[in-house]
Amino acid sequence: MKILDIGCGNAKTPGAIGIDSNPATQADIIHDLNHYPWPLESDAFDRIICNHIVEHIADLVRFMEEVHRVSRADALVEIVTPHFTNRFSYTDPTHVRHLGLRSFDYFTARRTLHLNWITRALETQYAVPDFYVKPLFKVVRAHLRFARPFRLTGIQWFANRFPDFYELYLAFIFPARDLYFVLEVLKASG
């Protein structure tokens, strides 16, 4: 399995090829990730790790297209990023975007979002426009992670069971810490 750790910093995944813009890191390849194409072959990686990097990227659509380019068919892309309610999402001056649980739906085949109230008495749907980018990925997992007090009291369970309700009505009352995504690359194999 060939692994790419994008924005690896000094915590590069063991066995991975690391790419980062900072020469003082464990990166194998020094390259500004906001300049495309990256100096990597197409269809080269089985697993892509993006740990706290997407919030620093100027053009997320172009970034995700480049992730797709360097990935093999059915590769897994793991993304960790601060949730928009995490105060550190706004504290770091190098963060250029703040993301929610549905942010990556723009890159997936999951084009209709259902915003359900717990009782399902109120149901609203809206379609994600596909004029930004054609579906490149399939969502395998999308998960909110909270600080310990919110995990112990069941808020993390509730927010992940009813994520749209949580983000619409409770997010700023019970702020999340991070978003965890696993996406599967969609492309014709061979």
N, C-alpha and C. Protein backbone atom coordinates (compact mmCIF):
# COMPACT_ATOMS: atom_id res chain seq x y z
N MET A 1 0.85 -1.18 0.00
CA MET A 1 0.00 0.00 0.00
C MET A 1 0.89 1.23 0.00
N LYS A 2 0.64 2.12 -0.94
CA LYS A 2 1.41 3.36 -1.05
C LYS A 2 0.59 4.48 -0.41
N ILE A 3 1.21 5.17 0.57
CA ILE A 3 0.53 6.19 1.37
C ILE A 3 1.15 7.55 1.12
N LEU A 4 0.30 8.56 0.99
CA LEU A 4 0.73 9.96 0.87
C LEU A 4 0.20 10.73 2.07
N ASP A 5 1.08 11.39 2.79
CA ASP A 5 0.71 12.24 3.92
C ASP A 5 0.87 13.69 3.48
N ILE A 6 -0.27 14.35 3.19
CA ILE A 6 -0.26 15.72 2.68
C ILE A 6 -0.22 16.70 3.85
N GLY A 7 0.77 17.59 3.83
CA GLY A 7 0.94 18.53 4.93
C GLY A 7 1.39 17.81 6.18
N CYS A 8 2.32 16.90 6.03
CA CYS A 8 2.71 15.98 7.10
C CYS A 8 3.33 16.66 8.31
N GLY A 9 3.95 17.80 8.13
CA GLY A 9 4.60 18.46 9.26
C GLY A 9 5.65 17.56 9.87
N ASN A 10 5.73 17.56 11.21
CA ASN A 10 6.69 16.71 11.92
C ASN A 10 6.02 15.48 12.51
N ALA A 11 4.85 15.13 12.01
CA ALA A 11 4.15 13.94 12.48
C ALA A 11 3.77 13.06 11.29
N LYS A 12 4.74 12.83 10.41
CA LYS A 12 4.49 12.05 9.20
C LYS A 12 4.09 10.62 9.57
N THR A 13 3.08 10.12 8.87
CA THR A 13 2.60 8.76 9.07
C THR A 13 3.73 7.79 8.72
N PRO A 14 4.03 6.83 9.60
CA PRO A 14 5.10 5.86 9.29
C PRO A 14 4.83 5.13 7.97
N GLY A 15 5.87 5.06 7.15
CA GLY A 15 5.77 4.38 5.87
C GLY A 15 5.20 5.22 4.75
N ALA A 16 4.78 6.45 5.05
CA ALA A 16 4.17 7.32 4.04
C ALA A 16 5.22 8.19 3.37
N ILE A 17 4.85 8.68 2.19
CA ILE A 17 5.61 9.75 1.54
C ILE A 17 4.96 11.05 2.02
N GLY A 18 5.76 11.92 2.58
CA GLY A 18 5.25 13.18 3.10
C GLY A 18 5.51 14.33 2.16
N ILE A 19 4.51 15.19 2.01
CA ILE A 19 4.66 16.41 1.22
C ILE A 19 4.22 17.59 2.08
N ASP A 20 5.05 18.63 2.11
CA ASP A 20 4.76 19.79 2.96
C ASP A 20 5.52 20.98 2.36
N SER A 21 5.06 22.18 2.65
CA SER A 21 5.73 23.38 2.15
C SER A 21 6.88 23.82 3.04
N ASN A 22 6.93 23.32 4.26
CA ASN A 22 7.93 23.76 5.23
C ASN A 22 9.15 22.83 5.21
N PRO A 23 10.33 23.37 4.88
CA PRO A 23 11.53 22.53 4.83
C PRO A 23 12.00 22.04 6.20
N ALA A 24 11.45 22.58 7.28
CA ALA A 24 11.84 22.16 8.63
C ALA A 24 10.95 21.02 9.14
N THR A 25 10.33 20.28 8.24
CA THR A 25 9.44 19.18 8.62
C THR A 25 10.04 17.84 8.19
N GLN A 26 9.30 16.77 8.42
CA GLN A 26 9.72 15.43 8.03
C GLN A 26 9.35 15.11 6.59
N ALA A 27 8.96 16.10 5.82
CA ALA A 27 8.49 15.89 4.45
C ALA A 27 9.59 15.33 3.56
N ASP A 28 9.20 14.41 2.70
CA ASP A 28 10.10 13.88 1.67
C ASP A 28 10.12 14.81 0.46
N ILE A 29 9.00 15.50 0.24
CA ILE A 29 8.86 16.42 -0.89
C ILE A 29 8.47 17.79 -0.34
N ILE A 30 9.25 18.79 -0.64
CA ILE A 30 8.94 20.16 -0.22
C ILE A 30 8.26 20.85 -1.40
N HIS A 31 6.99 21.24 -1.19
CA HIS A 31 6.23 21.86 -2.27
C HIS A 31 5.07 22.65 -1.68
N ASP A 32 4.82 23.83 -2.20
CA ASP A 32 3.67 24.64 -1.79
C ASP A 32 2.41 23.96 -2.32
N LEU A 33 1.56 23.49 -1.43
CA LEU A 33 0.36 22.73 -1.81
C LEU A 33 -0.69 23.59 -2.49
N ASN A 34 -0.50 24.90 -2.50
CA ASN A 34 -1.40 25.79 -3.23
C ASN A 34 -0.97 26.00 -4.68
N HIS A 35 0.10 25.33 -5.12
CA HIS A 35 0.56 25.39 -6.50
C HIS A 35 0.36 24.04 -7.15
N TYR A 36 -0.33 24.06 -8.27
CA TYR A 36 -0.73 22.81 -8.95
C TYR A 36 -0.12 22.75 -10.34
N PRO A 37 0.12 21.56 -10.84
CA PRO A 37 -0.02 20.26 -10.19
C PRO A 37 1.13 20.01 -9.21
N TRP A 38 0.88 19.12 -8.26
CA TRP A 38 1.93 18.73 -7.33
C TRP A 38 2.93 17.84 -8.06
N PRO A 39 4.16 17.80 -7.59
CA PRO A 39 5.18 16.96 -8.26
C PRO A 39 5.02 15.48 -7.89
N LEU A 40 3.85 14.94 -8.20
CA LEU A 40 3.53 13.55 -7.90
C LEU A 40 2.87 12.93 -9.13
N GLU A 41 3.07 11.64 -9.32
CA GLU A 41 2.46 10.93 -10.43
C GLU A 41 0.96 10.77 -10.21
N SER A 42 0.23 10.69 -11.30
CA SER A 42 -1.21 10.41 -11.23
C SER A 42 -1.42 8.95 -10.87
N ASP A 43 -2.56 8.67 -10.21
CA ASP A 43 -2.96 7.30 -9.87
C ASP A 43 -1.88 6.53 -9.12
N ALA A 44 -1.22 7.18 -8.17
CA ALA A 44 -0.07 6.57 -7.51
C ALA A 44 -0.33 6.07 -6.09
N PHE A 45 -1.37 6.56 -5.41
CA PHE A 45 -1.49 6.28 -3.98
C PHE A 45 -2.79 5.54 -3.63
N ASP A 46 -2.66 4.62 -2.66
CA ASP A 46 -3.80 3.83 -2.17
C ASP A 46 -4.47 4.48 -0.97
N ARG A 47 -3.74 5.31 -0.28
CA ARG A 47 -4.25 5.97 0.92
C ARG A 47 -3.66 7.37 0.98
N ILE A 48 -4.53 8.35 1.24
CA ILE A 48 -4.11 9.75 1.36
C ILE A 48 -4.51 10.23 2.75
N ILE A 49 -3.59 10.87 3.43
CA ILE A 49 -3.85 11.41 4.76
C ILE A 49 -3.74 12.93 4.71
N CYS A 50 -4.79 13.60 5.14
CA CYS A 50 -4.83 15.07 5.19
C CYS A 50 -5.18 15.46 6.62
N ASN A 51 -4.17 15.50 7.47
CA ASN A 51 -4.39 15.77 8.89
C ASN A 51 -4.13 17.24 9.18
N HIS A 52 -5.20 17.99 9.38
CA HIS A 52 -5.14 19.43 9.68
C HIS A 52 -4.38 20.20 8.61
N ILE A 53 -4.79 20.00 7.35
CA ILE A 53 -4.21 20.74 6.24
C ILE A 53 -5.26 21.47 5.41
N VAL A 54 -6.45 20.89 5.24
CA VAL A 54 -7.43 21.49 4.32
C VAL A 54 -7.88 22.89 4.76
N GLU A 55 -7.81 23.18 6.03
CA GLU A 55 -8.21 24.51 6.51
C GLU A 55 -7.19 25.59 6.12
N HIS A 56 -6.00 25.16 5.66
CA HIS A 56 -4.95 26.09 5.24
C HIS A 56 -4.90 26.31 3.73
N ILE A 57 -5.71 25.60 2.98
CA ILE A 57 -5.64 25.60 1.52
C ILE A 57 -6.50 26.72 0.93
N ALA A 58 -5.94 27.46 -0.01
CA ALA A 58 -6.65 28.60 -0.60
C ALA A 58 -7.81 28.16 -1.48
N ASP A 59 -7.63 27.14 -2.30
CA ASP A 59 -8.66 26.69 -3.24
C ASP A 59 -8.96 25.22 -2.95
N LEU A 60 -9.97 24.98 -2.13
CA LEU A 60 -10.29 23.62 -1.71
C LEU A 60 -10.76 22.75 -2.87
N VAL A 61 -11.48 23.33 -3.82
CA VAL A 61 -11.93 22.55 -4.98
C VAL A 61 -10.72 22.04 -5.76
N ARG A 62 -9.77 22.92 -6.04
CA ARG A 62 -8.57 22.50 -6.79
C ARG A 62 -7.75 21.50 -5.98
N PHE A 63 -7.67 21.68 -4.67
CA PHE A 63 -6.95 20.76 -3.79
C PHE A 63 -7.56 19.36 -3.87
N MET A 64 -8.89 19.27 -3.79
CA MET A 64 -9.55 17.97 -3.82
C MET A 64 -9.42 17.33 -5.21
N GLU A 65 -9.43 18.13 -6.26
CA GLU A 65 -9.19 17.59 -7.60
C GLU A 65 -7.78 17.01 -7.70
N GLU A 66 -6.82 17.65 -7.07
CA GLU A 66 -5.44 17.16 -7.10
C GLU A 66 -5.29 15.90 -6.25
N VAL A 67 -5.96 15.84 -5.12
CA VAL A 67 -5.99 14.61 -4.31
C VAL A 67 -6.55 13.47 -5.15
N HIS A 68 -7.62 13.75 -5.87
CA HIS A 68 -8.23 12.75 -6.74
C HIS A 68 -7.24 12.31 -7.83
N ARG A 69 -6.54 13.24 -8.41
CA ARG A 69 -5.59 12.92 -9.49
C ARG A 69 -4.50 11.96 -9.04
N VAL A 70 -3.93 12.19 -7.85
CA VAL A 70 -2.80 11.36 -7.40
C VAL A 70 -3.24 10.05 -6.76
N SER A 71 -4.54 9.87 -6.55
CA SER A 71 -5.08 8.66 -5.92
C SER A 71 -5.43 7.61 -6.96
N ARG A 72 -5.28 6.36 -6.56
CA ARG A 72 -5.76 5.25 -7.38
C ARG A 72 -7.26 5.09 -7.19
N ALA A 73 -7.90 4.39 -8.09
CA ALA A 73 -9.32 4.06 -7.93
C ALA A 73 -9.52 3.31 -6.61
N ASP A 74 -10.56 3.67 -5.89
CA ASP A 74 -10.92 3.06 -4.61
C ASP A 74 -9.96 3.39 -3.47
N ALA A 75 -9.03 4.29 -3.68
CA ALA A 75 -8.14 4.72 -2.59
C ALA A 75 -8.98 5.38 -1.50
N LEU A 76 -8.48 5.36 -0.29
CA LEU A 76 -9.15 6.02 0.83
C LEU A 76 -8.43 7.31 1.17
N VAL A 77 -9.22 8.36 1.36
CA VAL A 77 -8.71 9.68 1.73
C VAL A 77 -9.22 9.99 3.13
N GLU A 78 -8.30 10.17 4.06
CA GLU A 78 -8.65 10.46 5.46
C GLU A 78 -8.37 11.93 5.73
N ILE A 79 -9.41 12.64 6.18
CA ILE A 79 -9.29 14.08 6.42
C ILE A 79 -9.68 14.38 7.86
N VAL A 80 -8.83 15.14 8.55
CA VAL A 80 -9.14 15.66 9.88
C VAL A 80 -8.97 17.17 9.80
N THR A 81 -9.97 17.89 10.28
CA THR A 81 -9.93 19.35 10.24
C THR A 81 -10.77 19.90 11.40
N PRO A 82 -10.48 21.09 11.89
CA PRO A 82 -11.32 21.64 12.97
C PRO A 82 -12.75 21.88 12.49
N HIS A 83 -13.70 21.62 13.38
CA HIS A 83 -15.09 21.97 13.11
C HIS A 83 -15.22 23.49 13.21
N PHE A 84 -16.18 24.07 12.51
CA PHE A 84 -16.32 25.53 12.51
C PHE A 84 -16.63 26.10 13.90
N THR A 85 -17.08 25.29 14.85
CA THR A 85 -17.34 25.81 16.20
C THR A 85 -16.12 25.70 17.11
N ASN A 86 -15.06 25.08 16.66
CA ASN A 86 -13.84 24.99 17.44
C ASN A 86 -13.17 26.36 17.46
N ARG A 87 -12.94 26.91 18.62
CA ARG A 87 -12.38 28.26 18.68
C ARG A 87 -11.01 28.35 18.03
N PHE A 88 -10.29 27.24 17.98
CA PHE A 88 -8.98 27.26 17.33
C PHE A 88 -9.09 27.31 15.81
N SER A 89 -10.28 27.02 15.29
CA SER A 89 -10.50 27.18 13.86
C SER A 89 -10.33 28.65 13.47
N TYR A 90 -10.70 29.54 14.36
CA TYR A 90 -10.60 30.98 14.10
C TYR A 90 -9.34 31.61 14.70
N THR A 91 -8.73 30.97 15.67
CA THR A 91 -7.56 31.53 16.34
C THR A 91 -6.33 31.53 15.45
N ASP A 92 -6.13 30.46 14.70
CA ASP A 92 -4.94 30.32 13.85
C ASP A 92 -5.05 31.23 12.63
N PRO A 93 -4.17 32.22 12.51
CA PRO A 93 -4.27 33.16 11.39
C PRO A 93 -3.95 32.53 10.03
N THR A 94 -3.43 31.31 10.00
CA THR A 94 -3.15 30.64 8.73
C THR A 94 -4.34 29.83 8.22
N HIS A 95 -5.42 29.77 9.01
CA HIS A 95 -6.62 29.07 8.55
C HIS A 95 -7.39 30.00 7.61
N VAL A 96 -7.70 29.50 6.42
CA VAL A 96 -8.41 30.31 5.44
C VAL A 96 -9.86 29.87 5.26
N ARG A 97 -10.26 28.79 5.93
CA ARG A 97 -11.66 28.32 5.83
C ARG A 97 -12.06 27.60 7.10
N HIS A 98 -13.36 27.53 7.31
CA HIS A 98 -13.94 26.88 8.49
C HIS A 98 -15.02 25.93 7.96
N LEU A 99 -14.92 24.67 8.34
CA LEU A 99 -15.70 23.62 7.69
C LEU A 99 -16.71 22.97 8.62
N GLY A 100 -17.76 22.45 8.00
CA GLY A 100 -18.80 21.72 8.71
C GLY A 100 -18.90 20.30 8.18
N LEU A 101 -19.79 19.54 8.77
CA LEU A 101 -19.92 18.13 8.44
C LEU A 101 -20.35 17.88 7.00
N ARG A 102 -21.00 18.82 6.36
CA ARG A 102 -21.46 18.65 4.98
C ARG A 102 -20.54 19.31 3.95
N SER A 103 -19.43 19.88 4.38
CA SER A 103 -18.54 20.59 3.46
C SER A 103 -18.04 19.71 2.32
N PHE A 104 -17.77 18.45 2.57
CA PHE A 104 -17.21 17.58 1.54
C PHE A 104 -18.27 16.94 0.67
N ASP A 105 -19.55 17.20 0.95
CA ASP A 105 -20.62 16.70 0.08
C ASP A 105 -20.51 17.30 -1.31
N TYR A 106 -19.86 18.45 -1.43
CA TYR A 106 -19.67 19.07 -2.74
C TYR A 106 -18.77 18.25 -3.65
N PHE A 107 -18.03 17.30 -3.08
CA PHE A 107 -17.10 16.48 -3.84
C PHE A 107 -17.57 15.04 -3.96
N THR A 108 -18.78 14.76 -3.51
CA THR A 108 -19.24 13.38 -3.45
C THR A 108 -20.50 13.16 -4.28
N ALA A 109 -20.86 11.92 -4.37
CA ALA A 109 -22.09 11.55 -5.07
C ALA A 109 -23.31 11.78 -4.18
N ARG A 110 -23.10 12.08 -2.91
CA ARG A 110 -24.21 12.35 -1.98
C ARG A 110 -24.64 13.80 -2.20
N ARG A 111 -25.54 14.00 -3.15
CA ARG A 111 -25.89 15.34 -3.59
C ARG A 111 -27.12 15.93 -2.90
N THR A 112 -27.96 15.12 -2.30
CA THR A 112 -29.13 15.66 -1.62
C THR A 112 -28.91 15.51 -0.12
N LEU A 113 -29.02 16.60 0.57
CA LEU A 113 -28.83 16.61 2.01
C LEU A 113 -30.20 16.67 2.68
N HIS A 114 -30.38 15.87 3.69
CA HIS A 114 -31.64 15.85 4.42
C HIS A 114 -31.41 16.49 5.78
N LEU A 115 -32.16 17.51 6.07
CA LEU A 115 -32.08 18.18 7.36
C LEU A 115 -33.30 17.76 8.16
N ASN A 116 -33.13 16.78 9.01
CA ASN A 116 -34.26 16.20 9.74
C ASN A 116 -34.25 16.65 11.19
N TRP A 117 -35.41 17.02 11.68
CA TRP A 117 -35.57 17.25 13.09
C TRP A 117 -35.62 15.88 13.75
N ILE A 118 -35.32 15.78 15.03
CA ILE A 118 -35.28 14.49 15.73
C ILE A 118 -36.58 13.74 15.53
N THR A 119 -37.69 14.40 15.61
CA THR A 119 -38.99 13.73 15.50
C THR A 119 -39.39 13.50 14.05
N ARG A 120 -38.58 14.00 13.11
CA ARG A 120 -38.85 13.93 11.67
C ARG A 120 -40.14 14.65 11.29
N ALA A 121 -40.63 15.48 12.18
CA ALA A 121 -41.84 16.25 11.87
C ALA A 121 -41.51 17.34 10.85
N LEU A 122 -40.30 17.85 10.92
CA LEU A 122 -39.87 18.89 9.99
C LEU A 122 -38.76 18.30 9.14
N GLU A 123 -38.98 18.20 7.86
CA GLU A 123 -37.95 17.67 6.96
C GLU A 123 -37.76 18.63 5.81
N THR A 124 -36.52 19.07 5.64
CA THR A 124 -36.17 19.97 4.57
C THR A 124 -35.04 19.33 3.78
N GLN A 125 -35.07 19.49 2.49
CA GLN A 125 -34.00 18.98 1.65
C GLN A 125 -33.47 20.11 0.78
N TYR A 126 -32.20 20.06 0.49
CA TYR A 126 -31.66 20.96 -0.50
C TYR A 126 -30.62 20.20 -1.30
N ALA A 127 -30.52 20.53 -2.55
CA ALA A 127 -29.58 19.83 -3.43
C ALA A 127 -28.26 20.58 -3.48
N VAL A 128 -27.18 19.83 -3.41
CA VAL A 128 -25.86 20.40 -3.54
C VAL A 128 -25.60 20.59 -5.03
N PRO A 129 -25.29 21.80 -5.46
CA PRO A 129 -25.06 22.02 -6.90
C PRO A 129 -23.84 21.25 -7.39
N ASP A 130 -23.92 20.70 -8.60
CA ASP A 130 -22.79 19.95 -9.13
C ASP A 130 -22.01 20.75 -10.18
N PHE A 131 -22.24 22.06 -10.24
CA PHE A 131 -21.49 22.85 -11.20
C PHE A 131 -20.12 23.23 -10.68
N TYR A 132 -19.84 23.03 -9.38
CA TYR A 132 -18.50 23.29 -8.85
C TYR A 132 -17.54 22.20 -9.29
N VAL A 133 -17.95 20.97 -9.08
CA VAL A 133 -17.09 19.82 -9.37
C VAL A 133 -17.98 18.59 -9.52
N LYS A 134 -17.61 17.72 -10.42
CA LYS A 134 -18.34 16.46 -10.57
C LYS A 134 -17.95 15.56 -9.40
N PRO A 135 -18.82 14.60 -9.04
CA PRO A 135 -18.48 13.72 -7.91
C PRO A 135 -17.14 13.01 -8.11
N LEU A 136 -16.27 13.17 -7.15
CA LEU A 136 -14.94 12.56 -7.19
C LEU A 136 -14.77 11.48 -6.13
N PHE A 137 -15.62 11.53 -5.10
CA PHE A 137 -15.45 10.67 -3.94
C PHE A 137 -16.80 10.14 -3.46
N LYS A 138 -16.73 9.13 -2.63
CA LYS A 138 -17.90 8.61 -1.93
C LYS A 138 -17.59 8.71 -0.44
N VAL A 139 -18.54 9.19 0.35
CA VAL A 139 -18.34 9.30 1.79
C VAL A 139 -18.42 7.91 2.41
N VAL A 140 -17.35 7.50 3.06
CA VAL A 140 -17.33 6.25 3.80
C VAL A 140 -17.70 6.53 5.25
N ARG A 141 -17.16 7.67 5.76
CA ARG A 141 -17.44 8.05 7.14
C ARG A 141 -17.31 9.56 7.29
N ALA A 142 -18.23 10.13 8.04
CA ALA A 142 -18.16 11.55 8.43
C ALA A 142 -18.55 11.58 9.90
N HIS A 143 -17.67 12.11 10.73
CA HIS A 143 -17.85 12.00 12.17
C HIS A 143 -17.40 13.28 12.87
N LEU A 144 -18.15 13.70 13.86
CA LEU A 144 -17.77 14.83 14.71
C LEU A 144 -17.07 14.30 15.95
N ARG A 145 -16.02 14.97 16.37
CA ARG A 145 -15.30 14.59 17.59
C ARG A 145 -15.37 15.77 18.55
N PHE A 146 -15.63 15.47 19.82
CA PHE A 146 -15.80 16.49 20.85
C PHE A 146 -14.77 16.33 21.95
N ALA A 147 -14.64 17.34 22.79
CA ALA A 147 -13.79 17.26 23.98
C ALA A 147 -14.44 16.29 24.97
N ARG A 148 -13.66 15.80 25.89
CA ARG A 148 -14.09 14.76 26.83
C ARG A 148 -15.42 15.05 27.54
N PRO A 149 -15.67 16.24 28.09
CA PRO A 149 -16.95 16.44 28.79
C PRO A 149 -18.16 16.19 27.89
N PHE A 150 -18.06 16.55 26.62
CA PHE A 150 -19.18 16.36 25.69
C PHE A 150 -19.28 14.91 25.22
N ARG A 151 -18.15 14.19 25.25
CA ARG A 151 -18.22 12.75 24.93
C ARG A 151 -18.87 12.00 26.07
N LEU A 152 -18.51 12.33 27.30
CA LEU A 152 -19.02 11.61 28.47
C LEU A 152 -20.51 11.86 28.72
N THR A 153 -21.00 13.03 28.34
CA THR A 153 -22.41 13.35 28.57
C THR A 153 -23.33 12.92 27.43
N GLY A 154 -22.76 12.32 26.38
CA GLY A 154 -23.58 11.82 25.29
C GLY A 154 -23.82 12.82 24.17
N ILE A 155 -23.27 14.00 24.28
CA ILE A 155 -23.48 15.01 23.24
C ILE A 155 -22.82 14.59 21.94
N GLN A 156 -21.63 13.98 22.02
CA GLN A 156 -20.97 13.51 20.80
C GLN A 156 -21.84 12.47 20.10
N TRP A 157 -22.40 11.52 20.86
CA TRP A 157 -23.28 10.51 20.26
C TRP A 157 -24.48 11.18 19.59
N PHE A 158 -25.13 12.12 20.30
CA PHE A 158 -26.30 12.80 19.77
C PHE A 158 -25.96 13.56 18.48
N ALA A 159 -24.85 14.30 18.51
CA ALA A 159 -24.47 15.11 17.35
C ALA A 159 -24.16 14.24 16.13
N ASN A 160 -23.57 13.08 16.34
CA ASN A 160 -23.28 12.19 15.22
C ASN A 160 -24.50 11.41 14.77
N ARG A 161 -25.45 11.23 15.64
CA ARG A 161 -26.71 10.55 15.27
C ARG A 161 -27.63 11.51 14.51
N PHE A 162 -27.62 12.78 14.89
CA PHE A 162 -28.47 13.81 14.27
C PHE A 162 -27.60 15.01 13.87
N PRO A 163 -26.68 14.83 12.93
CA PRO A 163 -25.69 15.87 12.63
C PRO A 163 -26.27 17.16 12.08
N ASP A 164 -27.30 17.08 11.26
CA ASP A 164 -27.87 18.31 10.71
C ASP A 164 -28.59 19.11 11.79
N PHE A 165 -29.33 18.43 12.65
CA PHE A 165 -29.98 19.11 13.77
C PHE A 165 -28.93 19.75 14.66
N TYR A 166 -27.86 19.00 14.96
CA TYR A 166 -26.79 19.54 15.79
C TYR A 166 -26.20 20.82 15.18
N GLU A 167 -25.81 20.77 13.90
CA GLU A 167 -25.17 21.95 13.30
C GLU A 167 -26.12 23.12 13.15
N LEU A 168 -27.40 22.86 12.94
CA LEU A 168 -28.37 23.94 12.79
C LEU A 168 -28.73 24.62 14.11
N TYR A 169 -28.88 23.82 15.18
CA TYR A 169 -29.45 24.36 16.41
C TYR A 169 -28.55 24.31 17.64
N LEU A 170 -27.58 23.41 17.70
CA LEU A 170 -26.83 23.20 18.94
C LEU A 170 -25.33 23.45 18.84
N ALA A 171 -24.82 23.67 17.65
CA ALA A 171 -23.37 23.71 17.46
C ALA A 171 -22.66 24.75 18.32
N PHE A 172 -23.24 25.93 18.45
CA PHE A 172 -22.56 26.96 19.22
C PHE A 172 -22.85 26.87 20.72
N ILE A 173 -23.77 26.00 21.10
CA ILE A 173 -24.01 25.72 22.52
C ILE A 173 -23.03 24.66 23.00
N PHE A 174 -22.84 23.61 22.16
CA PHE A 174 -21.94 22.50 22.46
C PHE A 174 -20.93 22.40 21.30
N PRO A 175 -19.87 23.19 21.33
CA PRO A 175 -18.95 23.21 20.19
C PRO A 175 -18.20 21.89 20.02
N ALA A 176 -18.06 21.47 18.78
CA ALA A 176 -17.28 20.28 18.44
C ALA A 176 -15.81 20.65 18.36
N ARG A 177 -14.96 19.64 18.37
CA ARG A 177 -13.53 19.89 18.24
C ARG A 177 -13.09 19.69 16.79
N ASP A 178 -13.25 18.48 16.27
CA ASP A 178 -12.75 18.17 14.94
C ASP A 178 -13.77 17.41 14.11
N LEU A 179 -13.54 17.44 12.81
CA LEU A 179 -14.28 16.66 11.83
C LEU A 179 -13.36 15.56 11.32
N TYR A 180 -13.89 14.36 11.21
CA TYR A 180 -13.14 13.23 10.66
C TYR A 180 -13.90 12.70 9.46
N PHE A 181 -13.23 12.61 8.33
CA PHE A 181 -13.84 12.10 7.11
C PHE A 181 -12.99 10.98 6.55
N VAL A 182 -13.65 9.98 6.00
CA VAL A 182 -13.00 8.98 5.16
C VAL A 182 -13.77 8.99 3.85
N LEU A 183 -13.08 9.29 2.76
CA LEU A 183 -13.68 9.34 1.44
C LEU A 183 -13.05 8.27 0.57
N GLU A 184 -13.85 7.65 -0.27
CA GLU A 184 -13.34 6.68 -1.23
C GLU A 184 -13.26 7.33 -2.60
N VAL A 185 -12.14 7.17 -3.28
CA VAL A 185 -11.93 7.78 -4.59
C VAL A 185 -12.74 7.05 -5.64
N LEU A 186 -13.52 7.82 -6.41
CA LEU A 186 -14.30 7.28 -7.51
C LEU A 186 -13.59 7.59 -8.82
N LYS A 187 -13.18 6.57 -9.51
CA LYS A 187 -12.65 6.72 -10.87
C LYS A 187 -12.61 5.35 -11.52
N ALA A 188 -12.62 5.37 -12.82
CA ALA A 188 -12.58 4.10 -13.56
C ALA A 188 -11.23 3.45 -13.31
N SER A 189 -11.23 2.21 -12.88
CA SER A 189 -9.96 1.50 -12.65
C SER A 189 -9.42 0.95 -13.96
N GLY A 190 -8.11 0.85 -14.01
CA GLY A 190 -7.46 0.30 -15.20
C GLY A 190 -7.47 1.29 -16.26
